[in-house]
Amino acid sequence: MEIDYSVFQKIDLRVGTIIEVSDFAEARKPSFKLKVDFGPLGVLNSSAQITKRYTPEKLLGRQVVSVVNLGSKRIAGFKSQCLILGAVQGNDVILLEPESKIPNGQQVL
């Protein structure tokens, strides 16, 4: 399905750094609770089903690309405020990240 370019322009994609990772035991599927630092936008929470490929140690300090203007969504009582982007490969998710470190909050065009 095609969308109008003006719709795409409304999506706010930003780079942030994962600063906290914890297990999300209340979630139906294995997940992590993440805190992501988006610099001038502040720190936002996210829930991610990425436990097959990533450990908390591999996630801490990693920069990720996220949608930051979808509003919040409650997941098992947890307020998820951004959507971290990843590519699905089989039953696995591979996070999208910049190839080199850039400032938190940098917009992705």
PDB file of N, CA and C in Angstrom:
ATOM      1  N   MET A   1       0.837  -1.177   0.000  1.00  0.00           N
ATOM      2  CA  MET A   1       0.000   0.000   0.000  1.00  0.00           C
ATOM      3  C   MET A   1       0.885   1.244   0.000  1.00  0.00           C
ATOM      4  N   GLU A   2       0.633   2.129  -0.918  1.00  0.00           N
ATOM      5  CA  GLU A   2       1.358   3.400  -0.972  1.00  0.00           C
ATOM      6  C   GLU A   2       0.726   4.408  -0.034  1.00  0.00           C
ATOM      7  N   ILE A   3       1.579   5.262   0.544  1.00  0.00           N
ATOM      8  CA  ILE A   3       1.081   6.383   1.326  1.00  0.00           C
ATOM      9  C   ILE A   3       1.598   7.658   0.696  1.00  0.00           C
ATOM     10  N   ASP A   4       0.919   8.721   0.950  1.00  0.00           N
ATOM     11  CA  ASP A   4       1.352  10.018   0.457  1.00  0.00           C
ATOM     12  C   ASP A   4       2.618  10.436   1.200  1.00  0.00           C
ATOM     13  N   TYR A   5       3.554  11.068   0.513  1.00  0.00           N
ATOM     14  CA  TYR A   5       4.813  11.490   1.116  1.00  0.00           C
ATOM     15  C   TYR A   5       4.582  12.399   2.325  1.00  0.00           C
ATOM     16  N   SER A   6       3.530  13.197   2.283  1.00  0.00           N
ATOM     17  CA  SER A   6       3.243  14.090   3.408  1.00  0.00           C
ATOM     18  C   SER A   6       2.932  13.295   4.687  1.00  0.00           C
ATOM     19  N   VAL A   7       2.391  12.090   4.550  1.00  0.00           N
ATOM     20  CA  VAL A   7       2.135  11.230   5.708  1.00  0.00           C
ATOM     21  C   VAL A   7       3.470  10.749   6.277  1.00  0.00           C
ATOM     22  N   PHE A   8       4.374  10.314   5.405  1.00  0.00           N
ATOM     23  CA  PHE A   8       5.695   9.862   5.843  1.00  0.00           C
ATOM     24  C   PHE A   8       6.451  10.971   6.572  1.00  0.00           C
ATOM     25  N   GLN A   9       6.322  12.201   6.092  1.00  0.00           N
ATOM     26  CA  GLN A   9       7.030  13.322   6.711  1.00  0.00           C
ATOM     27  C   GLN A   9       6.598  13.570   8.158  1.00  0.00           C
ATOM     28  N   LYS A  10       5.453  13.080   8.549  1.00  0.00           N
ATOM     29  CA  LYS A  10       4.970  13.269   9.915  1.00  0.00           C
ATOM     30  C   LYS A  10       5.639  12.317  10.903  1.00  0.00           C
ATOM     31  N   ILE A  11       6.291  11.265  10.412  1.00  0.00           N
ATOM     32  CA  ILE A  11       6.961  10.297  11.280  1.00  0.00           C
ATOM     33  C   ILE A  11       8.276  10.900  11.752  1.00  0.00           C
ATOM     34  N   ASP A  12       8.463  10.967  13.063  1.00  0.00           N
ATOM     35  CA  ASP A  12       9.666  11.549  13.644  1.00  0.00           C
ATOM     36  C   ASP A  12      10.616  10.426  14.058  1.00  0.00           C
ATOM     37  N   LEU A  13      11.616  10.186  13.223  1.00  0.00           N
ATOM     38  CA  LEU A  13      12.621   9.158  13.475  1.00  0.00           C
ATOM     39  C   LEU A  13      13.841   9.819  14.104  1.00  0.00           C
ATOM     40  N   ARG A  14      14.309   9.262  15.227  1.00  0.00           N
ATOM     41  CA  ARG A  14      15.446   9.840  15.949  1.00  0.00           C
ATOM     42  C   ARG A  14      16.398   8.737  16.393  1.00  0.00           C
ATOM     43  N   VAL A  15      17.636   9.147  16.632  1.00  0.00           N
ATOM     44  CA  VAL A  15      18.651   8.252  17.175  1.00  0.00           C
ATOM     45  C   VAL A  15      18.740   8.480  18.674  1.00  0.00           C
ATOM     46  N   GLY A  16      18.780   7.391  19.424  1.00  0.00           N
ATOM     47  CA  GLY A  16      18.942   7.467  20.870  1.00  0.00           C
ATOM     48  C   GLY A  16      19.850   6.356  21.355  1.00  0.00           C
ATOM     49  N   THR A  17      20.319   6.510  22.590  1.00  0.00           N
ATOM     50  CA  THR A  17      21.202   5.521  23.199  1.00  0.00           C
ATOM     51  C   THR A  17      20.470   4.808  24.332  1.00  0.00           C
ATOM     52  N   ILE A  18      20.522   3.482  24.314  1.00  0.00           N
ATOM     53  CA  ILE A  18      19.908   2.686  25.380  1.00  0.00           C
ATOM     54  C   ILE A  18      20.741   2.860  26.647  1.00  0.00           C
ATOM     55  N   ILE A  19      20.092   3.361  27.710  1.00  0.00           N
ATOM     56  CA  ILE A  19      20.815   3.626  28.956  1.00  0.00           C
ATOM     57  C   ILE A  19      20.394   2.712  30.105  1.00  0.00           C
ATOM     58  N   GLU A  20      19.310   1.969  29.913  1.00  0.00           N
ATOM     59  CA  GLU A  20      18.863   1.038  30.961  1.00  0.00           C
ATOM     60  C   GLU A  20      18.083  -0.100  30.324  1.00  0.00           C
ATOM     61  N   VAL A  21      18.336  -1.314  30.816  1.00  0.00           N
ATOM     62  CA  VAL A  21      17.664  -2.513  30.314  1.00  0.00           C
ATOM     63  C   VAL A  21      17.228  -3.346  31.509  1.00  0.00           C
ATOM     64  N   SER A  22      15.966  -3.791  31.491  1.00  0.00           N
ATOM     65  CA  SER A  22      15.502  -4.709  32.536  1.00  0.00           C
ATOM     66  C   SER A  22      14.556  -5.730  31.919  1.00  0.00           C
ATOM     67  N   ASP A  23      14.477  -6.898  32.543  1.00  0.00           N
ATOM     68  CA  ASP A  23      13.554  -7.939  32.077  1.00  0.00           C
ATOM     69  C   ASP A  23      12.118  -7.463  32.262  1.00  0.00           C
ATOM     70  N   PHE A  24      11.248  -7.873  31.351  1.00  0.00           N
ATOM     71  CA  PHE A  24       9.839  -7.491  31.395  1.00  0.00           C
ATOM     72  C   PHE A  24       9.024  -8.754  31.655  1.00  0.00           C
ATOM     73  N   ALA A  25       9.040  -9.209  32.896  1.00  0.00           N
ATOM     74  CA  ALA A  25       8.402 -10.473  33.276  1.00  0.00           C
ATOM     75  C   ALA A  25       6.896 -10.468  33.048  1.00  0.00           C
ATOM     76  N   GLU A  26       6.254  -9.301  33.111  1.00  0.00           N
ATOM     77  CA  GLU A  26       4.795  -9.220  32.966  1.00  0.00           C
ATOM     78  C   GLU A  26       4.324  -9.346  31.508  1.00  0.00           C
ATOM     79  N   ALA A  27       5.209  -9.186  30.567  1.00  0.00           N
ATOM     80  CA  ALA A  27       4.845  -9.259  29.144  1.00  0.00           C
ATOM     81  C   ALA A  27       4.489 -10.693  28.757  1.00  0.00           C
ATOM     82  N   ARG A  28       3.584 -10.831  27.783  1.00  0.00           N
ATOM     83  CA  ARG A  28       3.177 -12.163  27.323  1.00  0.00           C
ATOM     84  C   ARG A  28       4.309 -12.904  26.623  1.00  0.00           C
ATOM     85  N   LYS A  29       5.098 -12.174  25.833  1.00  0.00           N
ATOM     86  CA  LYS A  29       6.243 -12.763  25.134  1.00  0.00           C
ATOM     87  C   LYS A  29       7.520 -12.211  25.759  1.00  0.00           C
ATOM     88  N   PRO A  30       8.610 -12.985  25.738  1.00  0.00           N
ATOM     89  CA  PRO A  30       9.855 -12.504  26.339  1.00  0.00           C
ATOM     90  C   PRO A  30      10.254 -11.136  25.777  1.00  0.00           C
ATOM     91  N   SER A  31      10.476 -10.191  26.682  1.00  0.00           N
ATOM     92  CA  SER A  31      10.750  -8.807  26.283  1.00  0.00           C
ATOM     93  C   SER A  31      11.661  -8.136  27.299  1.00  0.00           C
ATOM     94  N   PHE A  32      12.185  -6.989  26.882  1.00  0.00           N
ATOM     95  CA  PHE A  32      12.930  -6.104  27.768  1.00  0.00           C
ATOM     96  C   PHE A  32      12.180  -4.794  27.913  1.00  0.00           C
ATOM     97  N   LYS A  33      12.351  -4.156  29.066  1.00  0.00           N
ATOM     98  CA  LYS A  33      11.971  -2.759  29.248  1.00  0.00           C
ATOM     99  C   LYS A  33      13.241  -1.959  29.031  1.00  0.00           C
ATOM    100  N   LEU A  34      13.165  -0.951  28.180  1.00  0.00           N
ATOM    101  CA  LEU A  34      14.339  -0.148  27.848  1.00  0.00           C
ATOM    102  C   LEU A  34      14.087   1.318  28.154  1.00  0.00           C
ATOM    103  N   LYS A  35      15.141   2.016  28.568  1.00  0.00           N
ATOM    104  CA  LYS A  35      15.131   3.466  28.669  1.00  0.00           C
ATOM    105  C   LYS A  35      16.126   3.959  27.631  1.00  0.00           C
ATOM    106  N   VAL A  36      15.652   4.887  26.776  1.00  0.00           N
ATOM    107  CA  VAL A  36      16.471   5.372  25.671  1.00  0.00           C
ATOM    108  C   VAL A  36      16.634   6.882  25.797  1.00  0.00           C
ATOM    109  N   ASP A  37      17.887   7.340  25.755  1.00  0.00           N
ATOM    110  CA  ASP A  37      18.206   8.760  25.870  1.00  0.00           C
ATOM    111  C   ASP A  37      18.192   9.398  24.481  1.00  0.00           C
ATOM    112  N   PHE A  38      17.273  10.345  24.292  1.00  0.00           N
ATOM    113  CA  PHE A  38      17.167  11.057  23.021  1.00  0.00           C
ATOM    114  C   PHE A  38      17.666  12.499  23.144  1.00  0.00           C
ATOM    115  N   GLY A  39      18.625  12.730  24.015  1.00  0.00           N
ATOM    116  CA  GLY A  39      19.226  14.058  24.159  1.00  0.00           C
ATOM    117  C   GLY A  39      18.203  15.110  24.513  1.00  0.00           C
ATOM    118  N   PRO A  40      18.031  16.128  23.647  1.00  0.00           N
ATOM    119  CA  PRO A  40      17.111  17.225  23.949  1.00  0.00           C
ATOM    120  C   PRO A  40      15.648  16.789  24.096  1.00  0.00           C
ATOM    121  N   LEU A  41      15.286  15.621  23.574  1.00  0.00           N
ATOM    122  CA  LEU A  41      13.915  15.116  23.697  1.00  0.00           C
ATOM    123  C   LEU A  41      13.695  14.404  25.024  1.00  0.00           C
ATOM    124  N   GLY A  42      14.762  14.113  25.751  1.00  0.00           N
ATOM    125  CA  GLY A  42      14.667  13.436  27.029  1.00  0.00           C
ATOM    126  C   GLY A  42      14.813  11.931  26.918  1.00  0.00           C
ATOM    127  N   VAL A  43      14.504  11.241  28.005  1.00  0.00           N
ATOM    128  CA  VAL A  43      14.595   9.786  28.082  1.00  0.00           C
ATOM    129  C   VAL A  43      13.190   9.212  27.919  1.00  0.00           C
ATOM    130  N   LEU A  44      13.047   8.255  26.992  1.00  0.00           N
ATOM    131  CA  LEU A  44      11.757   7.620  26.727  1.00  0.00           C
ATOM    132  C   LEU A  44      11.849   6.120  27.001  1.00  0.00           C
ATOM    133  N   ASN A  45      10.740   5.549  27.427  1.00  0.00           N
ATOM    134  CA  ASN A  45      10.633   4.110  27.672  1.00  0.00           C
ATOM    135  C   ASN A  45      10.205   3.380  26.412  1.00  0.00           C
ATOM    136  N   SER A  46      10.655   2.137  26.287  1.00  0.00           N
ATOM    137  CA  SER A  46      10.199   1.286  25.201  1.00  0.00           C
ATOM    138  C   SER A  46      10.210  -0.164  25.663  1.00  0.00           C
ATOM    139  N   SER A  47       9.303  -0.954  25.114  1.00  0.00           N
ATOM    140  CA  SER A  47       9.280  -2.391  25.335  1.00  0.00           C
ATOM    141  C   SER A  47       9.710  -3.048  24.025  1.00  0.00           C
ATOM    142  N   ALA A  48      10.587  -4.057  24.128  1.00  0.00           N
ATOM    143  CA  ALA A  48      11.088  -4.674  22.902  1.00  0.00           C
ATOM    144  C   ALA A  48      11.219  -6.182  23.063  1.00  0.00           C
ATOM    145  N   GLN A  49      10.686  -6.907  22.085  1.00  0.00           N
ATOM    146  CA  GLN A  49      10.776  -8.370  22.052  1.00  0.00           C
ATOM    147  C   GLN A  49      12.048  -8.764  21.296  1.00  0.00           C
ATOM    148  N   ILE A  50      13.179  -8.543  21.928  1.00  0.00           N
ATOM    149  CA  ILE A  50      14.470  -8.762  21.261  1.00  0.00           C
ATOM    150  C   ILE A  50      15.386  -9.652  22.106  1.00  0.00           C
ATOM    151  N   THR A  51      14.790 -10.507  22.933  1.00  0.00           N
ATOM    152  CA  THR A  51      15.577 -11.314  23.863  1.00  0.00           C
ATOM    153  C   THR A  51      16.306 -12.489  23.202  1.00  0.00           C
ATOM    154  N   LYS A  52      15.919 -12.858  21.985  1.00  0.00           N
ATOM    155  CA  LYS A  52      16.590 -13.979  21.303  1.00  0.00           C
ATOM    156  C   LYS A  52      18.004 -13.600  20.873  1.00  0.00           C
ATOM    157  N   ARG A  53      18.174 -12.401  20.368  1.00  0.00           N
ATOM    158  CA  ARG A  53      19.452 -11.972  19.811  1.00  0.00           C
ATOM    159  C   ARG A  53      20.291 -11.157  20.788  1.00  0.00           C
ATOM    160  N   TYR A  54      19.642 -10.429  21.681  1.00  0.00           N
ATOM    161  CA  TYR A  54      20.346  -9.451  22.515  1.00  0.00           C
ATOM    162  C   TYR A  54      20.259  -9.779  23.996  1.00  0.00           C
ATOM    163  N   THR A  55      21.333  -9.496  24.697  1.00  0.00           N
ATOM    164  CA  THR A  55      21.373  -9.567  26.154  1.00  0.00           C
ATOM    165  C   THR A  55      21.394  -8.129  26.668  1.00  0.00           C
ATOM    166  N   PRO A  56      21.076  -7.912  27.937  1.00  0.00           N
ATOM    167  CA  PRO A  56      21.165  -6.553  28.476  1.00  0.00           C
ATOM    168  C   PRO A  56      22.552  -5.932  28.262  1.00  0.00           C
ATOM    169  N   GLU A  57      23.583  -6.739  28.396  1.00  0.00           N
ATOM    170  CA  GLU A  57      24.948  -6.229  28.223  1.00  0.00           C
ATOM    171  C   GLU A  57      25.200  -5.768  26.786  1.00  0.00           C
ATOM    172  N   LYS A  58      24.636  -6.477  25.809  1.00  0.00           N
ATOM    173  CA  LYS A  58      24.807  -6.089  24.395  1.00  0.00           C
ATOM    174  C   LYS A  58      23.990  -4.847  24.046  1.00  0.00           C
ATOM    175  N   LEU A  59      22.938  -4.578  24.823  1.00  0.00           N
ATOM    176  CA  LEU A  59      22.060  -3.446  24.529  1.00  0.00           C
ATOM    177  C   LEU A  59      22.519  -2.141  25.171  1.00  0.00           C
ATOM    178  N   LEU A  60      23.076  -2.226  26.374  1.00  0.00           N
ATOM    179  CA  LEU A  60      23.492  -1.010  27.081  1.00  0.00           C
ATOM    180  C   LEU A  60      24.517  -0.224  26.272  1.00  0.00           C
ATOM    181  N   GLY A  61      24.240   1.053  26.064  1.00  0.00           N
ATOM    182  CA  GLY A  61      25.143   1.923  25.318  1.00  0.00           C
ATOM    183  C   GLY A  61      24.968   1.871  23.811  1.00  0.00           C
ATOM    184  N   ARG A  62      24.112   0.997  23.313  1.00  0.00           N
ATOM    185  CA  ARG A  62      23.887   0.856  21.871  1.00  0.00           C
ATOM    186  C   ARG A  62      22.967   1.966  21.377  1.00  0.00           C
ATOM    187  N   GLN A  63      23.321   2.546  20.240  1.00  0.00           N
ATOM    188  CA  GLN A  63      22.435   3.528  19.623  1.00  0.00           C
ATOM    189  C   GLN A  63      21.436   2.817  18.725  1.00  0.00           C
ATOM    190  N   VAL A  64      20.197   3.316  18.740  1.00  0.00           N
ATOM    191  CA  VAL A  64      19.115   2.722  17.958  1.00  0.00           C
ATOM    192  C   VAL A  64      18.339   3.824  17.254  1.00  0.00           C
ATOM    193  N   VAL A  65      17.605   3.418  16.224  1.00  0.00           N
ATOM    194  CA  VAL A  65      16.708   4.326  15.502  1.00  0.00           C
ATOM    195  C   VAL A  65      15.295   4.034  15.986  1.00  0.00           C
ATOM    196  N   SER A  66      14.565   5.098  16.329  1.00  0.00           N
ATOM    197  CA  SER A  66      13.222   4.933  16.901  1.00  0.00           C
ATOM    198  C   SER A  66      12.247   5.951  16.343  1.00  0.00           C
ATOM    199  N   VAL A  67      10.970   5.586  16.371  1.00  0.00           N
ATOM    200  CA  VAL A  67       9.891   6.535  16.101  1.00  0.00           C
ATOM    201  C   VAL A  67       9.508   7.116  17.460  1.00  0.00           C
ATOM    202  N   VAL A  68       9.531   8.452  17.563  1.00  0.00           N
ATOM    203  CA  VAL A  68       9.296   9.077  18.871  1.00  0.00           C
ATOM    204  C   VAL A  68       7.974   9.840  18.963  1.00  0.00           C
ATOM    205  N   ASN A  69       7.194   9.847  17.904  1.00  0.00           N
ATOM    206  CA  ASN A  69       5.944  10.626  17.941  1.00  0.00           C
ATOM    207  C   ASN A  69       4.682   9.783  17.695  1.00  0.00           C
ATOM    208  N   LEU A  70       4.692   8.546  18.149  1.00  0.00           N
ATOM    209  CA  LEU A  70       3.503   7.698  18.023  1.00  0.00           C
ATOM    210  C   LEU A  70       2.577   7.823  19.225  1.00  0.00           C
ATOM    211  N   GLY A  71       3.018   8.527  20.247  1.00  0.00           N
ATOM    212  CA  GLY A  71       2.258   8.558  21.490  1.00  0.00           C
ATOM    213  C   GLY A  71       2.645   7.357  22.325  1.00  0.00           C
ATOM    214  N   SER A  72       2.066   7.244  23.500  1.00  0.00           N
ATOM    215  CA  SER A  72       2.432   6.134  24.373  1.00  0.00           C
ATOM    216  C   SER A  72       1.410   5.005  24.266  1.00  0.00           C
ATOM    217  N   LYS A  73       1.880   3.804  24.617  1.00  0.00           N
ATOM    218  CA  LYS A  73       1.032   2.613  24.587  1.00  0.00           C
ATOM    219  C   LYS A  73       1.316   1.818  25.852  1.00  0.00           C
ATOM    220  N   ARG A  74       0.267   1.375  26.523  1.00  0.00           N
ATOM    221  CA  ARG A  74       0.420   0.552  27.730  1.00  0.00           C
ATOM    222  C   ARG A  74       0.569  -0.907  27.321  1.00  0.00           C
ATOM    223  N   ILE A  75       1.635  -1.512  27.809  1.00  0.00           N
ATOM    224  CA  ILE A  75       1.890  -2.925  27.554  1.00  0.00           C
ATOM    225  C   ILE A  75       2.096  -3.580  28.915  1.00  0.00           C
ATOM    226  N   ALA A  76       1.143  -4.398  29.339  1.00  0.00           N
ATOM    227  CA  ALA A  76       1.195  -5.062  30.653  1.00  0.00           C
ATOM    228  C   ALA A  76       1.499  -4.058  31.761  1.00  0.00           C
ATOM    229  N   GLY A  77       0.843  -2.889  31.703  1.00  0.00           N
ATOM    230  CA  GLY A  77       1.005  -1.871  32.725  1.00  0.00           C
ATOM    231  C   GLY A  77       2.208  -0.966  32.543  1.00  0.00           C
ATOM    232  N   PHE A  78       3.049  -1.239  31.552  1.00  0.00           N
ATOM    233  CA  PHE A  78       4.254  -0.442  31.284  1.00  0.00           C
ATOM    234  C   PHE A  78       3.955   0.565  30.183  1.00  0.00           C
ATOM    235  N   LYS A  79       4.352   1.810  30.369  1.00  0.00           N
ATOM    236  CA  LYS A  79       4.104   2.865  29.393  1.00  0.00           C
ATOM    237  C   LYS A  79       5.264   2.930  28.400  1.00  0.00           C
ATOM    238  N   SER A  80       5.031   2.417  27.191  1.00  0.00           N
ATOM    239  CA  SER A  80       6.025   2.462  26.115  1.00  0.00           C
ATOM    240  C   SER A  80       5.807   3.753  25.333  1.00  0.00           C
ATOM    241  N   GLN A  81       6.869   4.546  25.197  1.00  0.00           N
ATOM    242  CA  GLN A  81       6.751   5.892  24.616  1.00  0.00           C
ATOM    243  C   GLN A  81       7.406   6.045  23.251  1.00  0.00           C
ATOM    244  N   CYS A  82       8.129   5.050  22.797  1.00  0.00           N
ATOM    245  CA  CYS A  82       8.756   5.122  21.476  1.00  0.00           C
ATOM    246  C   CYS A  82       8.829   3.714  20.898  1.00  0.00           C
ATOM    247  N   LEU A  83       8.975   3.632  19.595  1.00  0.00           N
ATOM    248  CA  LEU A  83       9.059   2.347  18.902  1.00  0.00           C
ATOM    249  C   LEU A  83      10.461   2.216  18.315  1.00  0.00           C
ATOM    250  N   ILE A  84      11.221   1.279  18.862  1.00  0.00           N
ATOM    251  CA  ILE A  84      12.570   1.026  18.354  1.00  0.00           C
ATOM    252  C   ILE A  84      12.445   0.184  17.089  1.00  0.00           C
ATOM    253  N   LEU A  85      13.140   0.589  16.040  1.00  0.00           N
ATOM    254  CA  LEU A  85      13.007  -0.078  14.745  1.00  0.00           C
ATOM    255  C   LEU A  85      13.996  -1.224  14.583  1.00  0.00           C
ATOM    256  N   GLY A  86      13.524  -2.277  13.940  1.00  0.00           N
ATOM    257  CA  GLY A  86      14.356  -3.427  13.651  1.00  0.00           C
ATOM    258  C   GLY A  86      13.833  -4.142  12.422  1.00  0.00           C
ATOM    259  N   ALA A  87      14.694  -4.923  11.818  1.00  0.00           N
ATOM    260  CA  ALA A  87      14.319  -5.732  10.664  1.00  0.00           C
ATOM    261  C   ALA A  87      14.077  -7.150  11.149  1.00  0.00           C
ATOM    262  N   VAL A  88      13.008  -7.766  10.646  1.00  0.00           N
ATOM    263  CA  VAL A  88      12.659  -9.134  11.052  1.00  0.00           C
ATOM    264  C   VAL A  88      13.348 -10.108  10.106  1.00  0.00           C
ATOM    265  N   GLN A  89      14.053 -11.070  10.717  1.00  0.00           N
ATOM    266  CA  GLN A  89      14.704 -12.125   9.951  1.00  0.00           C
ATOM    267  C   GLN A  89      14.309 -13.452  10.597  1.00  0.00           C
ATOM    268  N   GLY A  90      13.389 -14.162   9.945  1.00  0.00           N
ATOM    269  CA  GLY A  90      12.852 -15.384  10.537  1.00  0.00           C
ATOM    270  C   GLY A  90      12.056 -15.038  11.782  1.00  0.00           C
ATOM    271  N   ASN A  91      12.436 -15.604  12.923  1.00  0.00           N
ATOM    272  CA  ASN A  91      11.782 -15.299  14.198  1.00  0.00           C
ATOM    273  C   ASN A  91      12.609 -14.337  15.036  1.00  0.00           C
ATOM    274  N   ASP A  92      13.508 -13.625  14.408  1.00  0.00           N
ATOM    275  CA  ASP A  92      14.447 -12.758  15.103  1.00  0.00           C
ATOM    276  C   ASP A  92      14.286 -11.314  14.649  1.00  0.00           C
ATOM    277  N   VAL A  93      14.673 -10.392  15.496  1.00  0.00           N
ATOM    278  CA  VAL A  93      14.651  -8.970  15.154  1.00  0.00           C
ATOM    279  C   VAL A  93      16.072  -8.432  15.261  1.00  0.00           C
ATOM    280  N   ILE A  94      16.510  -7.740  14.214  1.00  0.00           N
ATOM    281  CA  ILE A  94      17.841  -7.118  14.183  1.00  0.00           C
ATOM    282  C   ILE A  94      17.637  -5.618  14.241  1.00  0.00           C
ATOM    283  N   LEU A  95      18.157  -4.994  15.296  1.00  0.00           N
ATOM    284  CA  LEU A  95      17.951  -3.563  15.497  1.00  0.00           C
ATOM    285  C   LEU A  95      18.623  -2.725  14.415  1.00  0.00           C
ATOM    286  N   LEU A  96      17.958  -1.628  14.051  1.00  0.00           N
ATOM    287  CA  LEU A  96      18.547  -0.663  13.132  1.00  0.00           C
ATOM    288  C   LEU A  96      19.358   0.335  13.957  1.00  0.00           C
ATOM    289  N   GLU A  97      20.568   0.607  13.506  1.00  0.00           N
ATOM    290  CA  GLU A  97      21.422   1.523  14.240  1.00  0.00           C
ATOM    291  C   GLU A  97      22.324   2.285  13.271  1.00  0.00           C
ATOM    292  N   PRO A  98      22.759   3.494  13.669  1.00  0.00           N
ATOM    293  CA  PRO A  98      23.669   4.240  12.801  1.00  0.00           C
ATOM    294  C   PRO A  98      25.022   3.529  12.723  1.00  0.00           C
ATOM    295  N   GLU A  99      25.720   3.724  11.628  1.00  0.00           N
ATOM    296  CA  GLU A  99      27.010   3.035  11.467  1.00  0.00           C
ATOM    297  C   GLU A  99      28.113   3.653  12.301  1.00  0.00           C
ATOM    298  N   SER A 100      27.935   4.894  12.740  1.00  0.00           N
ATOM    299  CA  SER A 100      28.892   5.509  13.658  1.00  0.00           C
ATOM    300  C   SER A 100      28.125   6.326  14.696  1.00  0.00           C
ATOM    301  N   LYS A 101      28.769   6.602  15.830  1.00  0.00           N
ATOM    302  CA  LYS A 101      28.099   7.298  16.931  1.00  0.00           C
ATOM    303  C   LYS A 101      27.765   8.719  16.516  1.00  0.00           C
ATOM    304  N   ILE A 102      26.517   9.121  16.794  1.00  0.00           N
ATOM    305  CA  ILE A 102      26.072  10.476  16.507  1.00  0.00           C
ATOM    306  C   ILE A 102      25.310  11.004  17.731  1.00  0.00           C
ATOM    307  N   PRO A 103      25.068  12.308  17.799  1.00  0.00           N
ATOM    308  CA  PRO A 103      24.407  12.866  18.982  1.00  0.00           C
ATOM    309  C   PRO A 103      23.002  12.284  19.186  1.00  0.00           C
ATOM    310  N   ASN A 104      22.676  12.009  20.451  1.00  0.00           N
ATOM    311  CA  ASN A 104      21.328  11.544  20.792  1.00  0.00           C
ATOM    312  C   ASN A 104      20.310  12.606  20.391  1.00  0.00           C
ATOM    313  N   GLY A 105      19.204  12.147  19.836  1.00  0.00           N
ATOM    314  CA  GLY A 105      18.156  13.049  19.392  1.00  0.00           C
ATOM    315  C   GLY A 105      18.283  13.456  17.932  1.00  0.00           C
ATOM    316  N   GLN A 106      19.378  13.065  17.289  1.00  0.00           N
ATOM    317  CA  GLN A 106      19.590  13.413  15.872  1.00  0.00           C
ATOM    318  C   GLN A 106      18.444  12.866  15.051  1.00  0.00           C
ATOM    319  N   GLN A 107      17.876  13.686  14.192  1.00  0.00           N
ATOM    320  CA  GLN A 107      16.761  13.258  13.354  1.00  0.00           C
ATOM    321  C   GLN A 107      17.260  12.410  12.198  1.00  0.00           C
ATOM    322  N   VAL A 108      16.490  11.381  11.866  1.00  0.00           N
ATOM    323  CA  VAL A 108      16.786  10.513  10.730  1.00  0.00           C
ATOM    324  C   VAL A 108      15.912  10.970   9.579  1.00  0.00           C
ATOM    325  N   LEU A 109      16.542  11.244   8.454  1.00  0.00           N
ATOM    326  CA  LEU A 109      15.799  11.744   7.294  1.00  0.00           C
ATOM    327  C   LEU A 109      15.709  10.705   6.204  1.00  0.00           C
TER     328      LEU A 109
END
